[in-house]
Structures are given as structure tokens and as C-alpha cells.
Amino acid sequence: MADMSLPETAAALGRARLFERAGAEDLAALAAAAAVRAFAPGEVLARAGEPAEALLVIVEGRVAVEAAPEGDTLPGVSVALDPGDSLGELAVLDGAAHAATAIARMPTTALWLPRAALLAAVRASPELAVALLATLAGWARRADRRAAELALRGAGAPPFAFRRLHAAPGEPADVAEG
């Protein structure tokens, strides 16, 4: 997928979990600012500690996100991102550095939405801002619930396990790499 038309880009953004509540006008505005980027297996999409220049939405492929505990050099958590997932949301919104490193595990196509364009769209559209807040609040609620479940069990997932970062209710959280 070398290039996408504006309607195809807007449709791909609309399939992204982050933008599933966004309206058609907002998706079109975001699509106009997005670029299609291709990543080879092993290529880094985002590196922990570096500033977030853009939000990325996975269109095709699979990305592993690896985060190490503070001060540790070995990955502590691996999460699989698939089409419809995004990365860099929080870093783009709050201006902080990426908290994890994202690496393509197979040929991957992503939409690259520059930070300035996303923030301008949020400022211009209260509806988009509310939609993003609602989505992020749902993700935070599920993460809190998952953390509580793990704390109650007294153990986390094995470090080599891949988990869906934003699995919707009813979707399997565990996935196999491949």
C-alpha cells in the first residue's frame, strides 16, 4: 500500500480504535494532514525517550511495542499492535517523550499524523476533543481494571507474551506473534 486517496485515508482513520467515535468531517480534516508511511520488518517506528513528532495509526502489518521498567535496559513488556491500533497518542497529546519503542514485526503501513495537525484539529473541533477524551477514558478504565486483576492474582503476563494494547471488550487480549 504505497499511497492512499483522501477518502481511503479518512476511512482508515475511522477504523482506528482511537478515532472510532470521530465524525466524518473531523476524519476528513485529519486525513488531509496524514501521510502514508511504510516500515520494513525490524524498523523502528518510535523510540522510547524521543519526542513524539506524530501519532501513528497501523493500517497493515504488526508492530511490537517494548517498554522497559525505569532504569532497566531489558524489555519488560511487549504489546502487539495490529491494524486499527495507534501509537504515540499520549506523547503527542501531552508533549512528553515516547514511553516505549515500537518496532515493525512484518512489512507495516501506518498513517503518520503530525502532532501539530492533530492538536489543531482538536482545538478546531470540540466534538473531536470529546470523542478522543471518551475513547482515552475507556482505555484508561480498561487498563485500571486489568491492573487490578493482575494485582489480585499476584502475577502478570509472562514477559514474552504479546498483548493487544487496546483490546475492546470481548476481543482476545493475547495474540501470537507472526
N, C-alpha and C. Protein backbone atom coordinates (compact mmCIF):
# COMPACT_ATOMS: atom_id res chain seq x y z
N MET A 1 0.85 -1.17 0.00
CA MET A 1 0.00 0.00 0.00
C MET A 1 0.89 1.23 0.00
N ALA A 2 1.23 1.68 -1.17
CA ALA A 2 2.16 2.81 -1.30
C ALA A 2 1.47 4.14 -1.06
N ASP A 3 0.25 4.29 -1.52
CA ASP A 3 -0.43 5.56 -1.42
C ASP A 3 -1.91 5.32 -1.19
N MET A 4 -2.57 6.29 -0.57
CA MET A 4 -4.00 6.17 -0.31
C MET A 4 -4.65 7.50 -0.70
N SER A 5 -5.86 7.41 -1.24
CA SER A 5 -6.61 8.62 -1.54
C SER A 5 -7.10 9.24 -0.23
N LEU A 6 -7.57 10.47 -0.32
CA LEU A 6 -8.10 11.14 0.86
C LEU A 6 -9.28 10.37 1.47
N PRO A 7 -10.25 9.90 0.66
CA PRO A 7 -11.34 9.11 1.25
C PRO A 7 -10.85 7.80 1.87
N GLU A 8 -9.86 7.14 1.24
CA GLU A 8 -9.31 5.91 1.82
C GLU A 8 -8.61 6.19 3.14
N THR A 9 -7.89 7.32 3.20
CA THR A 9 -7.19 7.69 4.43
C THR A 9 -8.20 8.00 5.54
N ALA A 10 -9.25 8.74 5.21
CA ALA A 10 -10.29 9.05 6.20
C ALA A 10 -10.97 7.77 6.68
N ALA A 11 -11.23 6.84 5.77
CA ALA A 11 -11.85 5.57 6.16
C ALA A 11 -10.92 4.77 7.06
N ALA A 12 -9.63 4.75 6.74
CA ALA A 12 -8.66 4.02 7.59
C ALA A 12 -8.59 4.65 8.98
N LEU A 13 -8.61 5.97 9.05
CA LEU A 13 -8.62 6.63 10.36
C LEU A 13 -9.90 6.29 11.12
N GLY A 14 -11.01 6.22 10.42
CA GLY A 14 -12.28 5.88 11.06
C GLY A 14 -12.33 4.47 11.61
N ARG A 15 -11.52 3.58 11.03
CA ARG A 15 -11.44 2.19 11.54
C ARG A 15 -10.49 2.08 12.73
N ALA A 16 -9.71 3.12 12.96
CA ALA A 16 -8.77 3.11 14.09
C ALA A 16 -9.56 3.25 15.39
N ARG A 17 -9.20 2.46 16.37
CA ARG A 17 -9.90 2.49 17.66
C ARG A 17 -9.89 3.89 18.27
N LEU A 18 -8.80 4.63 18.09
CA LEU A 18 -8.69 5.97 18.65
C LEU A 18 -9.74 6.91 18.08
N PHE A 19 -10.05 6.76 16.81
CA PHE A 19 -10.96 7.69 16.13
C PHE A 19 -12.34 7.09 15.85
N GLU A 20 -12.67 5.97 16.46
CA GLU A 20 -13.95 5.31 16.14
C GLU A 20 -15.17 6.16 16.49
N ARG A 21 -15.02 7.12 17.37
CA ARG A 21 -16.14 8.00 17.74
C ARG A 21 -16.11 9.33 16.99
N ALA A 22 -15.11 9.53 16.15
CA ALA A 22 -14.96 10.81 15.44
C ALA A 22 -15.94 10.90 14.28
N GLY A 23 -16.38 12.11 13.99
CA GLY A 23 -17.29 12.35 12.88
C GLY A 23 -16.58 12.41 11.54
N ALA A 24 -17.36 12.32 10.48
CA ALA A 24 -16.82 12.29 9.12
C ALA A 24 -16.02 13.55 8.79
N GLU A 25 -16.51 14.73 9.21
CA GLU A 25 -15.78 15.97 8.92
C GLU A 25 -14.42 15.99 9.60
N ASP A 26 -14.40 15.54 10.85
CA ASP A 26 -13.13 15.51 11.59
C ASP A 26 -12.17 14.50 10.96
N LEU A 27 -12.68 13.36 10.55
CA LEU A 27 -11.83 12.35 9.91
C LEU A 27 -11.25 12.90 8.59
N ALA A 28 -12.06 13.62 7.84
CA ALA A 28 -11.57 14.20 6.59
C ALA A 28 -10.47 15.22 6.85
N ALA A 29 -10.64 16.05 7.89
CA ALA A 29 -9.62 17.04 8.23
C ALA A 29 -8.32 16.36 8.66
N LEU A 30 -8.43 15.32 9.47
CA LEU A 30 -7.24 14.58 9.90
C LEU A 30 -6.58 13.89 8.70
N ALA A 31 -7.40 13.31 7.82
CA ALA A 31 -6.86 12.60 6.65
C ALA A 31 -6.05 13.53 5.76
N ALA A 32 -6.50 14.79 5.64
CA ALA A 32 -5.79 15.75 4.80
C ALA A 32 -4.38 16.02 5.31
N ALA A 33 -4.16 15.84 6.61
CA ALA A 33 -2.85 16.10 7.20
C ALA A 33 -1.99 14.85 7.33
N ALA A 34 -2.57 13.69 7.11
CA ALA A 34 -1.86 12.42 7.32
C ALA A 34 -1.04 12.02 6.10
N ALA A 35 0.05 11.34 6.36
CA ALA A 35 0.89 10.78 5.30
C ALA A 35 0.98 9.27 5.50
N VAL A 36 1.10 8.55 4.41
CA VAL A 36 1.27 7.10 4.47
C VAL A 36 2.75 6.80 4.60
N ARG A 37 3.10 5.98 5.57
CA ARG A 37 4.50 5.58 5.77
C ARG A 37 4.59 4.05 5.75
N ALA A 38 5.63 3.55 5.11
CA ALA A 38 5.88 2.11 5.07
C ALA A 38 7.10 1.80 5.93
N PHE A 39 7.02 0.71 6.68
CA PHE A 39 8.11 0.29 7.57
C PHE A 39 8.46 -1.17 7.28
N ALA A 40 9.74 -1.44 7.17
CA ALA A 40 10.23 -2.80 6.94
C ALA A 40 10.32 -3.54 8.27
N PRO A 41 10.29 -4.88 8.23
CA PRO A 41 10.45 -5.63 9.48
C PRO A 41 11.74 -5.21 10.19
N GLY A 42 11.64 -4.97 11.49
CA GLY A 42 12.79 -4.55 12.28
C GLY A 42 12.99 -3.05 12.35
N GLU A 43 12.27 -2.31 11.52
CA GLU A 43 12.42 -0.85 11.51
C GLU A 43 11.68 -0.25 12.71
N VAL A 44 12.30 0.75 13.31
CA VAL A 44 11.72 1.41 14.49
C VAL A 44 10.76 2.51 14.04
N LEU A 45 9.54 2.46 14.56
CA LEU A 45 8.53 3.49 14.28
C LEU A 45 8.61 4.62 15.30
N ALA A 46 8.94 4.27 16.54
CA ALA A 46 9.07 5.25 17.62
C ALA A 46 10.05 4.68 18.63
N ARG A 47 10.85 5.54 19.23
CA ARG A 47 11.86 5.08 20.19
C ARG A 47 11.61 5.73 21.55
N ALA A 48 11.65 4.89 22.60
CA ALA A 48 11.47 5.38 23.97
C ALA A 48 12.45 6.51 24.25
N GLY A 49 11.93 7.57 24.89
CA GLY A 49 12.76 8.70 25.27
C GLY A 49 12.85 9.79 24.22
N GLU A 50 12.42 9.50 23.00
CA GLU A 50 12.46 10.51 21.94
C GLU A 50 11.13 11.25 21.87
N PRO A 51 11.15 12.51 21.44
CA PRO A 51 9.89 13.26 21.35
C PRO A 51 8.97 12.65 20.30
N ALA A 52 7.68 12.78 20.55
CA ALA A 52 6.68 12.28 19.61
C ALA A 52 6.39 13.35 18.57
N GLU A 53 6.78 13.08 17.34
CA GLU A 53 6.52 14.01 16.25
C GLU A 53 5.14 13.81 15.66
N ALA A 54 4.63 12.58 15.80
CA ALA A 54 3.37 12.25 15.15
C ALA A 54 2.69 11.08 15.85
N LEU A 55 1.40 11.01 15.63
CA LEU A 55 0.60 9.85 16.01
C LEU A 55 0.65 8.90 14.83
N LEU A 56 0.80 7.61 15.08
CA LEU A 56 0.79 6.64 14.00
C LEU A 56 -0.40 5.71 14.16
N VAL A 57 -1.09 5.46 13.06
CA VAL A 57 -2.22 4.53 13.02
C VAL A 57 -1.82 3.37 12.11
N ILE A 58 -1.84 2.16 12.65
CA ILE A 58 -1.44 0.99 11.87
C ILE A 58 -2.56 0.64 10.89
N VAL A 59 -2.20 0.55 9.60
CA VAL A 59 -3.15 0.21 8.54
C VAL A 59 -2.98 -1.25 8.14
N GLU A 60 -1.73 -1.68 8.01
CA GLU A 60 -1.39 -3.07 7.67
C GLU A 60 -0.16 -3.47 8.46
N GLY A 61 -0.06 -4.76 8.78
CA GLY A 61 1.14 -5.28 9.44
C GLY A 61 0.95 -5.48 10.92
N ARG A 62 2.08 -5.60 11.61
CA ARG A 62 2.10 -5.79 13.06
C ARG A 62 3.32 -5.09 13.62
N VAL A 63 3.12 -4.46 14.78
CA VAL A 63 4.16 -3.72 15.45
C VAL A 63 4.28 -4.22 16.88
N ALA A 64 5.49 -4.43 17.35
CA ALA A 64 5.73 -4.79 18.75
C ALA A 64 6.14 -3.53 19.48
N VAL A 65 5.50 -3.29 20.60
CA VAL A 65 5.84 -2.15 21.45
C VAL A 65 6.51 -2.71 22.69
N GLU A 66 7.73 -2.29 22.93
CA GLU A 66 8.51 -2.82 24.04
C GLU A 66 8.83 -1.70 25.02
N ALA A 67 8.46 -1.93 26.26
CA ALA A 67 8.71 -0.95 27.32
C ALA A 67 9.51 -1.61 28.42
N ALA A 68 10.53 -0.92 28.90
CA ALA A 68 11.35 -1.43 29.99
C ALA A 68 11.01 -0.65 31.26
N PRO A 69 11.06 -1.31 32.40
CA PRO A 69 10.88 -0.56 33.64
C PRO A 69 11.95 0.52 33.74
N GLU A 70 11.61 1.61 34.40
CA GLU A 70 12.53 2.75 34.55
C GLU A 70 13.90 2.28 35.01
N GLY A 71 14.95 2.66 34.28
CA GLY A 71 16.31 2.32 34.65
C GLY A 71 16.77 0.95 34.20
N ASP A 72 15.88 0.16 33.61
CA ASP A 72 16.23 -1.19 33.16
C ASP A 72 16.52 -1.14 31.67
N THR A 73 17.43 -1.95 31.19
CA THR A 73 17.76 -1.95 29.76
C THR A 73 17.10 -3.10 29.01
N LEU A 74 16.51 -4.06 29.71
CA LEU A 74 15.83 -5.17 29.06
C LEU A 74 14.34 -4.89 28.95
N PRO A 75 13.73 -5.24 27.80
CA PRO A 75 12.29 -5.01 27.67
C PRO A 75 11.54 -5.75 28.77
N GLY A 76 10.58 -5.07 29.37
CA GLY A 76 9.79 -5.69 30.42
C GLY A 76 8.41 -6.06 29.95
N VAL A 77 7.90 -5.36 28.94
CA VAL A 77 6.55 -5.61 28.45
C VAL A 77 6.59 -5.54 26.93
N SER A 78 5.93 -6.47 26.29
CA SER A 78 5.79 -6.45 24.84
C SER A 78 4.30 -6.48 24.52
N VAL A 79 3.89 -5.56 23.67
CA VAL A 79 2.50 -5.45 23.26
C VAL A 79 2.46 -5.50 21.74
N ALA A 80 1.49 -6.21 21.19
CA ALA A 80 1.33 -6.27 19.73
C ALA A 80 0.30 -5.24 19.29
N LEU A 81 0.65 -4.48 18.27
CA LEU A 81 -0.29 -3.56 17.65
C LEU A 81 -0.61 -4.07 16.26
N ASP A 82 -1.87 -4.08 15.93
CA ASP A 82 -2.37 -4.58 14.65
C ASP A 82 -3.14 -3.48 13.93
N PRO A 83 -3.60 -3.73 12.71
CA PRO A 83 -4.39 -2.71 12.01
C PRO A 83 -5.55 -2.22 12.88
N GLY A 84 -5.70 -0.90 12.89
CA GLY A 84 -6.71 -0.28 13.73
C GLY A 84 -6.15 0.25 15.04
N ASP A 85 -4.97 -0.22 15.42
CA ASP A 85 -4.31 0.28 16.63
C ASP A 85 -3.50 1.53 16.28
N SER A 86 -3.19 2.30 17.30
CA SER A 86 -2.38 3.50 17.11
C SER A 86 -1.29 3.52 18.16
N LEU A 87 -0.31 4.38 17.93
CA LEU A 87 0.75 4.53 18.93
C LEU A 87 1.19 5.97 18.99
N GLY A 88 1.62 6.36 20.18
CA GLY A 88 2.08 7.71 20.41
C GLY A 88 0.98 8.67 20.84
N GLU A 89 -0.21 8.15 21.15
CA GLU A 89 -1.35 9.02 21.48
C GLU A 89 -1.02 9.96 22.63
N LEU A 90 -0.58 9.40 23.74
CA LEU A 90 -0.36 10.21 24.93
C LEU A 90 0.81 11.18 24.73
N ALA A 91 1.89 10.68 24.15
CA ALA A 91 3.06 11.54 23.93
C ALA A 91 2.73 12.71 22.99
N VAL A 92 1.91 12.45 21.98
CA VAL A 92 1.52 13.51 21.06
C VAL A 92 0.62 14.52 21.76
N LEU A 93 -0.28 14.04 22.59
CA LEU A 93 -1.21 14.95 23.26
C LEU A 93 -0.55 15.78 24.36
N ASP A 94 0.35 15.16 25.13
CA ASP A 94 0.93 15.92 26.26
C ASP A 94 2.33 16.44 26.01
N GLY A 95 2.92 16.13 24.86
CA GLY A 95 4.24 16.65 24.52
C GLY A 95 5.40 15.92 25.17
N ALA A 96 5.12 14.85 25.90
CA ALA A 96 6.18 14.07 26.54
C ALA A 96 6.87 13.17 25.51
N ALA A 97 7.95 12.58 25.93
CA ALA A 97 8.67 11.63 25.07
C ALA A 97 7.91 10.30 25.01
N HIS A 98 8.22 9.52 23.98
CA HIS A 98 7.64 8.18 23.89
C HIS A 98 8.07 7.36 25.11
N ALA A 99 7.14 6.61 25.67
CA ALA A 99 7.42 5.77 26.84
C ALA A 99 7.94 4.40 26.44
N ALA A 100 7.83 4.05 25.16
CA ALA A 100 8.22 2.71 24.71
C ALA A 100 8.78 2.80 23.29
N THR A 101 9.40 1.73 22.86
CA THR A 101 9.93 1.62 21.50
C THR A 101 8.99 0.72 20.70
N ALA A 102 8.65 1.16 19.49
CA ALA A 102 7.77 0.41 18.60
C ALA A 102 8.56 -0.05 17.39
N ILE A 103 8.50 -1.37 17.11
CA ILE A 103 9.29 -1.97 16.04
C ILE A 103 8.37 -2.78 15.13
N ALA A 104 8.48 -2.56 13.81
CA ALA A 104 7.69 -3.34 12.86
C ALA A 104 8.13 -4.79 12.90
N ARG A 105 7.19 -5.72 12.99
CA ARG A 105 7.49 -7.15 13.02
C ARG A 105 7.27 -7.81 11.66
N MET A 106 6.66 -7.08 10.75
CA MET A 106 6.42 -7.52 9.38
C MET A 106 6.28 -6.25 8.56
N PRO A 107 6.23 -6.34 7.24
CA PRO A 107 6.01 -5.11 6.48
C PRO A 107 4.76 -4.41 7.03
N THR A 108 4.90 -3.15 7.35
CA THR A 108 3.83 -2.42 8.03
C THR A 108 3.58 -1.08 7.34
N THR A 109 2.32 -0.78 7.18
CA THR A 109 1.91 0.53 6.66
C THR A 109 1.19 1.25 7.78
N ALA A 110 1.54 2.52 7.97
CA ALA A 110 0.91 3.32 9.01
C ALA A 110 0.60 4.71 8.47
N LEU A 111 -0.42 5.31 9.05
CA LEU A 111 -0.71 6.71 8.77
C LEU A 111 0.05 7.54 9.79
N TRP A 112 0.77 8.53 9.31
CA TRP A 112 1.61 9.41 10.11
C TRP A 112 0.86 10.73 10.23
N LEU A 113 0.35 11.03 11.42
CA LEU A 113 -0.42 12.24 11.65
C LEU A 113 0.40 13.18 12.53
N PRO A 114 0.96 14.24 11.95
CA PRO A 114 1.84 15.13 12.72
C PRO A 114 1.14 15.70 13.96
N ARG A 115 1.92 15.84 15.01
CA ARG A 115 1.41 16.34 16.30
C ARG A 115 0.67 17.67 16.12
N ALA A 116 1.27 18.60 15.40
CA ALA A 116 0.66 19.93 15.22
C ALA A 116 -0.70 19.82 14.54
N ALA A 117 -0.82 18.93 13.56
CA ALA A 117 -2.09 18.77 12.85
C ALA A 117 -3.16 18.18 13.76
N LEU A 118 -2.79 17.19 14.56
CA LEU A 118 -3.76 16.59 15.48
C LEU A 118 -4.22 17.61 16.50
N LEU A 119 -3.28 18.35 17.09
CA LEU A 119 -3.65 19.34 18.09
C LEU A 119 -4.50 20.45 17.48
N ALA A 120 -4.21 20.87 16.25
CA ALA A 120 -5.02 21.89 15.58
C ALA A 120 -6.44 21.38 15.35
N ALA A 121 -6.56 20.11 14.96
CA ALA A 121 -7.89 19.53 14.73
C ALA A 121 -8.68 19.45 16.03
N VAL A 122 -8.01 19.10 17.12
CA VAL A 122 -8.68 19.03 18.42
C VAL A 122 -9.13 20.42 18.86
N ARG A 123 -8.28 21.42 18.65
CA ARG A 123 -8.66 22.80 19.02
C ARG A 123 -9.83 23.31 18.18
N ALA A 124 -9.87 22.91 16.91
CA ALA A 124 -10.90 23.40 15.99
C ALA A 124 -12.24 22.69 16.16
N SER A 125 -12.23 21.50 16.75
CA SER A 125 -13.46 20.71 16.83
C SER A 125 -13.69 20.19 18.25
N PRO A 126 -14.58 20.84 18.98
CA PRO A 126 -14.91 20.31 20.31
C PRO A 126 -15.46 18.89 20.24
N GLU A 127 -16.16 18.56 19.16
CA GLU A 127 -16.70 17.21 19.00
C GLU A 127 -15.57 16.18 18.93
N LEU A 128 -14.51 16.51 18.20
CA LEU A 128 -13.36 15.61 18.12
C LEU A 128 -12.69 15.50 19.48
N ALA A 129 -12.53 16.61 20.17
CA ALA A 129 -11.90 16.59 21.50
C ALA A 129 -12.69 15.69 22.45
N VAL A 130 -14.00 15.81 22.46
CA VAL A 130 -14.84 14.98 23.34
C VAL A 130 -14.75 13.52 22.92
N ALA A 131 -14.76 13.25 21.62
CA ALA A 131 -14.66 11.86 21.13
C ALA A 131 -13.34 11.23 21.57
N LEU A 132 -12.24 11.96 21.44
CA LEU A 132 -10.94 11.43 21.85
C LEU A 132 -10.88 11.23 23.36
N LEU A 133 -11.41 12.19 24.12
CA LEU A 133 -11.44 12.04 25.58
C LEU A 133 -12.24 10.81 25.99
N ALA A 134 -13.38 10.59 25.36
CA ALA A 134 -14.20 9.43 25.70
C ALA A 134 -13.47 8.12 25.39
N THR A 135 -12.80 8.08 24.25
CA THR A 135 -12.05 6.87 23.89
C THR A 135 -10.90 6.64 24.86
N LEU A 136 -10.12 7.69 25.13
CA LEU A 136 -8.99 7.54 26.05
C LEU A 136 -9.46 7.19 27.46
N ALA A 137 -10.58 7.72 27.89
CA ALA A 137 -11.12 7.37 29.21
C ALA A 137 -11.49 5.90 29.26
N GLY A 138 -12.07 5.39 28.20
CA GLY A 138 -12.39 3.96 28.14
C GLY A 138 -11.15 3.10 28.22
N TRP A 139 -10.09 3.53 27.52
CA TRP A 139 -8.84 2.78 27.57
C TRP A 139 -8.25 2.80 28.97
N ALA A 140 -8.28 3.97 29.61
CA ALA A 140 -7.74 4.08 30.98
C ALA A 140 -8.55 3.20 31.93
N ARG A 141 -9.86 3.18 31.76
CA ARG A 141 -10.71 2.35 32.62
C ARG A 141 -10.34 0.86 32.46
N ARG A 142 -10.17 0.42 31.20
CA ARG A 142 -9.80 -0.99 30.97
C ARG A 142 -8.41 -1.29 31.52
N ALA A 143 -7.47 -0.35 31.38
CA ALA A 143 -6.12 -0.55 31.92
C ALA A 143 -6.16 -0.64 33.44
N ASP A 144 -6.96 0.21 34.07
CA ASP A 144 -7.11 0.15 35.54
C ASP A 144 -7.69 -1.20 35.96
N ARG A 145 -8.70 -1.65 35.24
CA ARG A 145 -9.33 -2.93 35.55
C ARG A 145 -8.32 -4.07 35.40
N ARG A 146 -7.55 -4.02 34.32
CA ARG A 146 -6.54 -5.06 34.07
C ARG A 146 -5.46 -5.04 35.16
N ALA A 147 -5.02 -3.86 35.54
CA ALA A 147 -4.01 -3.74 36.61
C ALA A 147 -4.56 -4.31 37.92
N ALA A 148 -5.81 -4.03 38.21
CA ALA A 148 -6.42 -4.56 39.43
C ALA A 148 -6.51 -6.08 39.38
N GLU A 149 -6.88 -6.62 38.22
CA GLU A 149 -6.95 -8.08 38.07
C GLU A 149 -5.59 -8.71 38.29
N LEU A 150 -4.55 -8.12 37.70
CA LEU A 150 -3.20 -8.65 37.86
C LEU A 150 -2.73 -8.56 39.31
N ALA A 151 -3.05 -7.46 39.96
CA ALA A 151 -2.66 -7.30 41.36
C ALA A 151 -3.36 -8.33 42.23
N LEU A 152 -4.63 -8.59 41.94
CA LEU A 152 -5.37 -9.57 42.73
C LEU A 152 -4.83 -10.98 42.53
N ARG A 153 -4.39 -11.26 41.31
CA ARG A 153 -3.81 -12.59 41.03
C ARG A 153 -2.38 -12.69 41.54
N GLY A 154 -1.74 -11.56 41.73
CA GLY A 154 -0.37 -11.57 42.25
C GLY A 154 0.68 -11.88 41.20
N ALA A 155 0.29 -11.90 39.93
CA ALA A 155 1.26 -12.19 38.88
C ALA A 155 0.80 -11.52 37.60
N GLY A 156 1.77 -11.13 36.77
CA GLY A 156 1.46 -10.53 35.47
C GLY A 156 1.66 -11.53 34.36
N ALA A 157 1.44 -11.08 33.15
CA ALA A 157 1.66 -11.91 31.98
C ALA A 157 3.16 -12.17 31.82
N PRO A 158 3.54 -13.31 31.25
CA PRO A 158 4.96 -13.57 31.03
C PRO A 158 5.56 -12.48 30.13
N PRO A 159 6.85 -12.16 30.32
CA PRO A 159 7.45 -11.04 29.58
C PRO A 159 7.46 -11.25 28.07
N PHE A 160 7.36 -12.48 27.60
CA PHE A 160 7.40 -12.73 26.17
C PHE A 160 6.01 -12.70 25.54
N ALA A 161 4.99 -12.57 26.33
CA ALA A 161 3.63 -12.59 25.81
C ALA A 161 3.34 -11.30 25.06
N PHE A 162 2.62 -11.42 23.98
CA PHE A 162 2.15 -10.25 23.26
C PHE A 162 0.70 -10.03 23.66
N ARG A 163 0.35 -8.80 23.93
CA ARG A 163 -0.99 -8.46 24.35
C ARG A 163 -1.50 -7.33 23.47
N ARG A 164 -2.78 -7.34 23.19
CA ARG A 164 -3.38 -6.21 22.49
C ARG A 164 -3.45 -5.06 23.47
N LEU A 165 -2.97 -3.93 23.05
CA LEU A 165 -2.93 -2.77 23.93
C LEU A 165 -4.32 -2.23 24.19
N HIS A 166 -5.14 -2.18 23.17
CA HIS A 166 -6.45 -1.57 23.31
C HIS A 166 -7.55 -2.56 22.93
N ALA A 167 -7.46 -3.78 23.41
CA ALA A 167 -8.47 -4.77 23.09
C ALA A 167 -9.82 -4.30 23.62
N ALA A 168 -10.78 -4.32 22.74
CA ALA A 168 -12.14 -3.92 23.13
C ALA A 168 -12.77 -5.05 23.94
N PRO A 169 -13.78 -4.73 24.71
CA PRO A 169 -14.46 -5.79 25.47
C PRO A 169 -14.88 -6.91 24.52
N GLY A 170 -14.59 -8.13 24.89
CA GLY A 170 -14.92 -9.29 24.07
C GLY A 170 -13.83 -9.69 23.10
N GLU A 171 -12.84 -8.81 22.83
CA GLU A 171 -11.72 -9.17 21.96
C GLU A 171 -10.67 -9.89 22.78
N PRO A 172 -10.01 -10.88 22.19
CA PRO A 172 -8.93 -11.54 22.94
C PRO A 172 -7.78 -10.58 23.16
N ALA A 173 -7.24 -10.56 24.36
CA ALA A 173 -6.09 -9.70 24.66
C ALA A 173 -4.78 -10.35 24.24
N ASP A 174 -4.70 -11.67 24.32
CA ASP A 174 -3.46 -12.37 23.96
C ASP A 174 -3.48 -12.71 22.48
N VAL A 175 -2.36 -12.45 21.81
CA VAL A 175 -2.22 -12.79 20.39
C VAL A 175 -0.85 -13.41 20.17
N ALA A 176 -0.74 -14.22 19.16
CA ALA A 176 0.54 -14.82 18.82
C ALA A 176 1.26 -13.93 17.84
N GLU A 177 2.57 -13.85 17.98
CA GLU A 177 3.36 -13.07 17.03
C GLU A 177 3.42 -13.83 15.72
N GLY A 178 3.39 -13.12 14.62
CA GLY A 178 3.54 -13.81 13.37
C GLY A 178 3.07 -13.08 12.21
